[in-house]
Amino acid sequence: MEAVIIGTGLHPFGRFPGKPAMDMGADAVRMALDDAGVTWPQIQGGYVGSFEVANPDAIVGRLGLTGVPLRGVFNGCATAGTAVAMAARAIETGEHDLTIAIGMDKHPRGAFAADPSVAGIPSWYGQTGLFLTTHFFGMKINRYMHDHGISHETLARVAAKNFGNAAGNEKAWRRTPLTVEEILDSPVLNYPLRQFMYCGPDEGAAAVVLCRADQAHKYTSTPIRVRATALRSRRFGAFEVQSPSVPVGDPVASPTVDASRAAYEQAGIGPEDVDIAQLQDTDAGSEIIHMAENGLCKDGEQERLIAEGATAIGGRLPVNTDGGLLGNGEPIGASGLRQIHEIVLQLRGTAGTRQVPGTPRVGYTHLYGAPGVSAVTILST
């Protein structure tokens, strides 16, 4: 049985003093239910993810005590991909006919500071500064730029594109457009990455309602098919965030490469079939690297493609049309569901001023985070 998306809801991302993450999550669920044309008592099962909320399943106290099995999930930055995959799987296996995936978080400034031991990493890794993810991503893109001829201007063009896209998204956090020059003039945080090339932790929530494909006509005329969901962790020898050492020898592919290949095979399509993509842009360099890791181009081709505007909203392969993480920030539990919300709008043709021209039919979402885990979801009309 195939699962389809019939409703999405997105609470704005940003800073909301005095508003708990649970309330943001409940708002997102209500929006998703309204979009789907269903009520909370009709939901038969669901999965809810959060980093900051210890018991996110307690959201039922805001929505209604119906006895629904609502399971908490967490996979770092891939949490939302996991929630959607499990909600879809419950339909595909016949366990439920109507499910929901929910994500919410409320991260303070300076979030994610911790002792390395909580991630299974020795203390020396933190003492050398390598536990800082900004440090890791700076090192990673610096090596990639050296190996594949990527310029500083290309990093800045990615950031400028995403902030420009966010300016057209009323639910984005950072909606002020920045020029390439302004981004290049901002302070270097971890070379070669500058202040305006990083995303930031913030607050927000999102939800997605799914149902059996053969029942979608009861709720919507524009169901969005869940063609594939794939999750992969790192393999020995891969250079990933919070990996304290790398063995000598040939490089090993990122979990993104593994998840991407599995998703394409499951969906029965290839990268050439993707019309629009949402890629994890923890920083501007990550978007560049992930373009190749997801099979959307070859290593080094990003320099030309980005200069030509191929990844802009009117380009051949629009990437992060809602501003991505750079424009929206990253409340971990909700981030991937934000991606899916944007793809659903684009495939429905209802994305407003940021709508991709033509009739996009295949959308692609990608998540990546510590300690080396990646999730890919492929959607289509």
Protein backbone atom coordinates (compact mmCIF):
# COMPACT_ATOMS: atom_id res chain seq x y z
CA MET A 1 0.00 0.00 0.00
CA GLU A 2 1.40 3.39 -0.99
CA ALA A 3 1.45 6.36 1.42
CA VAL A 4 0.61 9.88 0.28
CA ILE A 5 0.75 13.27 1.96
CA ILE A 6 -2.60 15.02 2.23
CA GLY A 7 -1.79 17.87 4.60
CA THR A 8 1.09 19.95 5.94
CA GLY A 9 1.39 22.60 8.63
CA LEU A 10 4.29 24.91 9.41
CA HIS A 11 4.68 27.17 12.43
CA PRO A 12 6.99 30.09 11.58
CA PHE A 13 10.67 29.59 12.39
CA GLY A 14 12.55 32.15 14.49
CA ARG A 15 12.41 33.30 18.10
CA PHE A 16 9.17 33.25 20.10
CA PRO A 17 9.79 34.31 23.71
CA GLY A 18 7.30 32.83 26.14
CA LYS A 19 5.86 30.31 23.68
CA PRO A 20 6.74 26.67 24.51
CA ALA A 21 7.81 24.28 21.78
CA MET A 22 4.79 22.12 22.60
CA ASP A 23 2.44 25.00 21.74
CA MET A 24 4.26 25.60 18.45
CA GLY A 25 3.94 21.91 17.67
CA ALA A 26 0.22 21.91 18.43
CA ASP A 27 -0.27 24.91 16.13
CA ALA A 28 1.56 23.12 13.32
CA VAL A 29 -0.56 19.99 13.82
CA ARG A 30 -3.78 21.99 13.67
CA MET A 31 -2.65 23.63 10.43
CA ALA A 32 -1.78 20.23 8.95
CA LEU A 33 -5.12 18.75 9.99
CA ASP A 34 -6.99 21.71 8.47
CA ASP A 35 -4.97 21.38 5.27
CA ALA A 36 -5.81 17.66 5.10
CA GLY A 37 -9.47 18.13 6.01
CA VAL A 38 -9.32 15.68 8.92
CA THR A 39 -9.72 15.96 12.67
CA TRP A 40 -7.35 14.85 15.43
CA PRO A 41 -9.54 11.91 16.54
CA GLN A 42 -9.22 10.45 13.03
CA ILE A 43 -5.41 10.14 13.34
CA GLN A 44 -4.60 6.49 14.05
CA GLY A 45 -0.88 6.76 14.80
CA GLY A 46 2.05 9.09 14.61
CA TYR A 47 5.70 9.92 15.26
CA VAL A 48 6.98 13.07 16.92
CA GLY A 49 10.57 14.27 17.16
CA SER A 50 12.44 16.86 19.21
CA PHE A 51 15.89 17.54 20.61
CA GLU A 52 14.95 19.88 23.45
CA VAL A 53 11.57 18.41 24.49
CA ALA A 54 12.11 15.36 26.70
CA ASN A 55 8.68 13.82 26.07
CA PRO A 56 7.33 15.26 22.80
CA ASP A 57 4.48 12.71 22.78
CA ALA A 58 2.95 14.77 25.60
CA ILE A 59 1.66 17.04 22.83
CA VAL A 60 -1.53 14.96 22.99
CA GLY A 61 -2.41 17.09 26.05
CA ARG A 62 -2.79 20.05 23.67
CA LEU A 63 -4.54 18.14 20.88
CA GLY A 64 -6.85 15.68 22.59
CA LEU A 65 -6.51 12.54 24.70
CA THR A 66 -7.73 10.06 22.12
CA GLY A 67 -5.41 7.20 23.06
CA VAL A 68 -3.52 7.54 19.77
CA PRO A 69 -0.15 5.73 19.71
CA LEU A 70 2.26 8.66 19.29
CA ARG A 71 5.87 7.53 19.38
CA GLY A 72 8.85 9.76 20.11
CA VAL A 73 11.77 9.59 17.65
CA PHE A 74 15.21 11.20 17.49
CA ASN A 75 17.98 10.89 14.91
CA GLY A 76 19.81 14.19 15.27
CA CYS A 77 19.35 16.43 12.24
CA ALA A 78 17.67 13.51 10.45
CA THR A 79 14.89 13.30 13.06
CA ALA A 80 12.11 14.57 10.79
CA GLY A 81 13.15 12.23 8.00
CA THR A 82 12.81 9.37 10.44
CA ALA A 83 9.37 10.54 11.62
CA VAL A 84 8.05 10.75 8.05
CA ALA A 85 9.58 7.43 7.08
CA MET A 86 7.95 5.66 10.03
CA ALA A 87 4.59 7.35 9.48
CA ALA A 88 4.69 6.25 5.85
CA ARG A 89 5.80 2.74 6.77
CA ALA A 90 2.87 2.32 9.15
CA ILE A 91 0.57 2.93 6.19
CA GLU A 92 2.55 0.80 3.74
CA THR A 93 2.43 -2.19 6.09
CA GLY A 94 -1.29 -1.81 6.71
CA GLU A 95 -0.94 -0.92 10.39
CA HIS A 96 -2.75 2.41 9.97
CA ASP A 97 -4.75 4.28 7.33
CA LEU A 98 -4.12 7.83 8.58
CA THR A 99 -0.91 8.92 10.31
CA ILE A 100 0.99 12.05 11.27
CA ALA A 101 4.64 13.12 11.58
CA ILE A 102 5.39 16.01 13.94
CA GLY A 103 8.57 17.93 14.73
CA MET A 104 9.23 20.78 17.15
CA ASP A 105 12.11 22.43 18.94
CA LYS A 106 13.05 25.56 20.87
CA HIS A 107 16.81 26.04 20.82
CA PRO A 108 18.45 28.90 22.73
CA ARG A 109 21.41 30.85 21.40
CA GLY A 110 24.53 28.72 21.68
CA ALA A 111 22.51 25.51 21.62
CA PHE A 112 24.15 22.09 21.14
CA ALA A 113 27.00 22.78 23.59
CA ALA A 114 27.74 19.55 25.44
CA ASP A 115 30.47 17.27 26.73
CA PRO A 116 31.82 15.06 23.93
CA SER A 117 31.15 11.97 26.03
CA VAL A 118 27.40 12.29 25.39
CA ALA A 119 28.15 11.55 21.73
CA GLY A 120 30.49 8.66 22.50
CA ILE A 121 33.58 10.76 21.76
CA PRO A 122 36.74 11.03 23.94
CA SER A 123 37.35 14.25 25.86
CA TRP A 124 40.47 15.15 23.83
CA TYR A 125 38.24 15.68 20.81
CA GLY A 126 36.55 18.56 22.59
CA GLN A 127 39.76 19.91 24.12
CA THR A 128 41.24 20.40 20.65
CA GLY A 129 38.17 22.32 19.48
CA LEU A 130 37.01 19.68 17.03
CA PHE A 131 33.70 19.14 18.83
CA LEU A 132 32.61 22.53 17.47
CA THR A 133 30.53 21.74 14.39
CA THR A 134 31.45 25.11 12.88
CA HIS A 135 35.08 23.95 12.97
CA PHE A 136 34.24 20.65 11.27
CA PHE A 137 32.23 22.22 8.46
CA GLY A 138 34.96 24.80 7.86
CA MET A 139 37.59 22.08 7.52
CA LYS A 140 35.37 19.98 5.27
CA ILE A 141 34.56 22.67 2.72
CA ASN A 142 38.13 24.01 2.78
CA ARG A 143 39.42 20.62 1.65
CA TYR A 144 36.61 20.30 -0.89
CA MET A 145 37.37 23.73 -2.36
CA HIS A 146 41.02 22.78 -2.74
CA ASP A 147 40.24 19.44 -4.39
CA HIS A 148 37.47 20.58 -6.74
CA GLY A 149 38.12 24.21 -7.59
CA ILE A 150 35.29 25.86 -5.67
CA SER A 151 35.74 29.60 -5.05
CA HIS A 152 34.87 31.84 -2.11
CA GLU A 153 32.46 33.67 -4.40
CA THR A 154 30.51 30.45 -4.94
CA LEU A 155 30.09 30.02 -1.19
CA ALA A 156 28.75 33.56 -1.00
CA ARG A 157 26.42 33.03 -3.97
CA VAL A 158 24.80 30.06 -2.22
CA ALA A 159 24.21 32.09 0.94
CA ALA A 160 22.91 35.09 -1.04
CA LYS A 161 20.51 32.82 -2.96
CA ASN A 162 19.09 31.30 0.20
CA PHE A 163 18.64 34.60 2.02
CA GLY A 164 16.99 35.97 -1.12
CA ASN A 165 14.62 33.01 -1.24
CA ALA A 166 13.82 33.44 2.46
CA ALA A 167 12.81 37.05 1.77
CA GLY A 168 9.83 35.64 -0.14
CA ASN A 169 8.89 33.24 2.65
CA GLU A 170 6.68 34.77 5.33
CA LYS A 171 7.50 31.93 7.73
CA ALA A 172 11.30 32.20 7.45
CA TRP A 173 13.51 33.60 10.22
CA ARG A 174 16.15 35.59 8.33
CA ARG A 175 14.28 37.48 5.63
CA THR A 176 16.76 40.25 4.86
CA PRO A 177 18.46 39.75 1.48
CA LEU A 178 22.25 40.01 1.47
CA THR A 179 24.53 40.59 -1.48
CA VAL A 180 27.51 38.42 -2.36
CA GLU A 181 29.77 41.33 -1.36
CA GLU A 182 28.10 41.77 2.04
CA ILE A 183 28.49 38.07 2.76
CA LEU A 184 32.16 38.03 1.73
CA ASP A 185 32.78 41.09 3.92
CA SER A 186 31.32 39.46 7.04
CA PRO A 187 33.75 38.10 9.68
CA VAL A 188 35.41 34.74 9.13
CA LEU A 189 34.25 32.28 11.79
CA ASN A 190 35.96 29.09 10.69
CA TYR A 191 37.93 29.55 7.49
CA PRO A 192 36.72 29.75 4.78
CA LEU A 193 33.21 30.11 6.21
CA ARG A 194 32.02 33.58 7.22
CA GLN A 195 29.33 34.76 9.60
CA PHE A 196 26.56 34.83 7.01
CA MET A 197 27.43 31.41 5.62
CA TYR A 198 26.17 29.50 8.67
CA CYS A 199 22.67 28.63 9.81
CA GLY A 200 21.69 29.15 13.44
CA PRO A 201 19.70 27.21 16.03
CA ASP A 202 16.21 28.63 16.54
CA GLU A 203 12.58 27.68 17.22
CA GLY A 204 9.73 26.24 15.16
CA ALA A 205 7.47 23.31 14.43
CA ALA A 206 5.96 21.43 11.49
CA ALA A 207 3.62 18.52 10.83
CA VAL A 208 2.62 16.28 7.93
CA VAL A 209 -0.54 14.15 7.60
CA LEU A 210 -0.35 10.97 5.52
CA CYS A 211 -2.93 8.42 4.38
CA ARG A 212 -3.40 5.40 2.12
CA ALA A 213 -3.20 6.36 -1.53
CA ASP A 214 -6.46 4.61 -2.34
CA GLN A 215 -8.27 6.75 0.25
CA ALA A 216 -6.71 10.11 -0.64
CA HIS A 217 -9.69 11.13 -2.81
CA LYS A 218 -11.72 11.49 0.38
CA TYR A 219 -9.53 14.37 1.49
CA THR A 220 -7.73 16.07 -1.41
CA SER A 221 -7.46 16.36 -5.17
CA THR A 222 -3.68 16.89 -4.94
CA PRO A 223 -2.14 14.02 -2.96
CA ILE A 224 1.66 13.95 -2.91
CA ARG A 225 3.20 10.51 -3.24
CA VAL A 226 5.91 9.35 -0.86
CA ARG A 227 8.09 7.59 -3.42
CA ALA A 228 11.01 6.79 -1.15
CA THR A 229 12.44 7.26 2.33
CA ALA A 230 15.98 6.20 3.20
CA LEU A 231 18.20 6.61 6.26
CA ARG A 232 21.87 5.68 6.50
CA SER A 233 24.55 6.04 9.18
CA ARG A 234 28.26 6.45 8.52
CA ARG A 235 30.57 3.66 7.45
CA PHE A 236 34.08 3.06 8.77
CA GLY A 237 36.50 5.54 7.25
CA ALA A 238 33.98 8.25 6.34
CA PHE A 239 34.88 11.82 7.34
CA GLU A 240 31.80 12.98 9.24
CA VAL A 241 30.81 15.48 11.88
CA GLN A 242 31.89 14.26 15.33
CA SER A 243 34.13 11.55 13.89
CA PRO A 244 37.30 11.89 15.97
CA SER A 245 39.63 10.17 13.52
CA VAL A 246 39.85 8.89 9.96
CA PRO A 247 41.93 5.87 8.94
CA VAL A 248 44.61 6.19 6.28
CA GLY A 249 43.45 4.96 2.89
CA ASP A 250 40.97 5.66 0.16
CA PRO A 251 38.09 7.97 1.11
CA VAL A 252 34.79 6.36 2.06
CA ALA A 253 31.48 7.73 0.82
CA SER A 254 29.32 9.85 3.10
CA PRO A 255 26.07 8.38 4.47
CA THR A 256 24.38 10.93 2.21
CA VAL A 257 25.68 9.04 -0.83
CA ASP A 258 24.38 5.76 0.58
CA ALA A 259 20.96 7.19 1.53
CA SER A 260 20.63 8.93 -1.81
CA ARG A 261 21.37 5.82 -3.85
CA ALA A 262 18.95 3.76 -1.77
CA ALA A 263 16.20 6.36 -2.22
CA TYR A 264 16.65 6.58 -5.99
CA GLU A 265 16.50 2.80 -6.28
CA GLN A 266 13.40 2.63 -4.10
CA ALA A 267 11.67 5.37 -6.10
CA GLY A 268 12.68 3.89 -9.43
CA ILE A 269 14.09 7.18 -10.69
CA GLY A 270 17.45 8.89 -11.05
CA PRO A 271 18.92 12.29 -10.17
CA GLU A 272 18.03 13.54 -13.65
CA ASP A 273 14.34 13.19 -12.77
CA VAL A 274 14.49 15.58 -9.79
CA ASP A 275 12.78 18.93 -10.47
CA ILE A 276 13.37 20.65 -7.14
CA ALA A 277 15.53 19.86 -4.11
CA GLN A 278 15.82 20.77 -0.44
CA LEU A 279 19.36 20.07 0.76
CA GLN A 280 20.88 20.35 4.24
CA ASP A 281 22.65 23.71 4.21
CA THR A 282 24.05 23.81 7.74
CA ASP A 283 26.46 26.17 6.01
CA ALA A 284 26.88 27.36 2.43
CA GLY A 285 29.62 24.80 1.85
CA SER A 286 27.36 21.93 2.90
CA GLU A 287 24.84 22.75 0.17
CA ILE A 288 27.64 22.67 -2.40
CA ILE A 289 28.99 19.33 -1.21
CA HIS A 290 25.53 17.79 -0.88
CA MET A 291 24.67 18.67 -4.48
CA ALA A 292 27.28 16.14 -5.60
CA GLU A 293 26.71 13.63 -2.79
CA ASN A 294 23.04 13.40 -3.78
CA GLY A 295 23.96 12.75 -7.41
CA LEU A 296 22.62 16.09 -8.66
CA CYS A 297 25.96 17.02 -10.22
CA LYS A 298 29.58 15.89 -10.31
CA ASP A 299 32.22 17.15 -7.88
CA GLY A 300 33.43 20.53 -9.09
CA GLU A 301 30.49 21.23 -11.40
CA GLN A 302 28.90 23.36 -8.68
CA GLU A 303 31.21 26.27 -9.54
CA ARG A 304 29.70 26.65 -13.01
CA LEU A 305 26.14 25.65 -12.12
CA ILE A 306 25.82 28.13 -9.27
CA ALA A 307 27.40 30.94 -11.31
CA GLU A 308 24.86 30.25 -14.07
CA GLY A 309 21.96 30.37 -11.61
CA ALA A 310 21.03 26.71 -12.10
CA THR A 311 20.03 26.36 -8.43
CA ALA A 312 17.97 29.58 -8.32
CA ILE A 313 14.17 29.42 -8.32
CA GLY A 314 14.08 29.97 -12.08
CA GLY A 315 17.03 27.67 -12.77
CA ARG A 316 17.33 24.13 -14.04
CA LEU A 317 17.41 22.61 -10.54
CA PRO A 318 16.11 24.96 -7.83
CA VAL A 319 17.63 24.23 -4.41
CA ASN A 320 16.27 25.44 -1.05
CA THR A 321 13.53 27.61 -2.51
CA ASP A 322 12.22 28.58 0.95
CA GLY A 323 15.62 29.80 2.14
CA GLY A 324 16.92 26.50 3.50
CA LEU A 325 18.52 26.34 6.91
CA LEU A 326 20.40 29.57 6.25
CA GLY A 327 17.14 31.48 5.92
CA ASN A 328 15.03 29.48 8.35
CA GLY A 329 17.47 28.34 11.01
CA GLU A 330 17.39 24.81 12.39
CA PRO A 331 15.01 23.68 15.11
CA ILE A 332 16.24 20.10 14.76
CA GLY A 333 12.99 18.19 15.19
CA ALA A 334 11.09 20.38 12.71
CA SER A 335 13.72 21.13 10.08
CA GLY A 336 13.13 18.17 7.77
CA LEU A 337 9.36 18.60 7.94
CA ARG A 338 9.86 22.21 6.84
CA GLN A 339 11.64 20.84 3.79
CA ILE A 340 8.72 18.51 3.04
CA HIS A 341 6.22 21.33 3.57
CA GLU A 342 8.02 23.39 0.92
CA ILE A 343 8.18 20.52 -1.57
CA VAL A 344 4.46 19.84 -1.10
CA LEU A 345 3.65 23.50 -1.82
CA GLN A 346 5.85 23.46 -4.91
CA LEU A 347 4.38 20.23 -6.28
CA ARG A 348 0.88 21.58 -5.68
CA GLY A 349 1.83 24.82 -7.44
CA THR A 350 0.88 26.93 -4.40
CA ALA A 351 4.25 28.37 -3.32
CA GLY A 352 3.33 31.93 -4.31
CA THR A 353 6.13 34.31 -5.26
CA ARG A 354 8.74 31.57 -4.88
CA GLN A 355 6.89 29.02 -7.03
CA VAL A 356 9.20 27.16 -9.39
CA PRO A 357 8.19 27.81 -13.03
CA GLY A 358 6.58 25.08 -15.07
CA THR A 359 5.09 22.05 -13.41
CA PRO A 360 7.56 20.39 -11.03
CA ARG A 361 6.66 16.75 -10.56
CA VAL A 362 9.48 15.28 -8.44
CA GLY A 363 10.77 16.82 -5.22
CA TYR A 364 13.77 15.70 -3.18
CA THR A 365 14.63 16.37 0.47
CA HIS A 366 17.91 15.63 2.22
CA LEU A 367 19.06 15.84 5.84
CA TYR A 368 22.51 15.37 7.33
CA GLY A 369 23.93 15.68 10.83
CA ALA A 370 25.86 14.26 13.74
CA PRO A 371 27.33 11.77 14.23
CA GLY A 372 27.21 11.02 10.51
CA VAL A 373 23.61 10.20 9.59
CA SER A 374 21.61 11.14 6.52
CA ALA A 375 17.95 10.90 5.51
CA VAL A 376 16.49 11.30 2.02
CA THR A 377 12.81 11.54 1.06
CA ILE A 378 11.56 11.61 -2.53
CA LEU A 379 8.08 12.96 -3.25
CA SER A 380 6.13 13.25 -6.50
CA THR A 381 2.74 14.19 -7.88
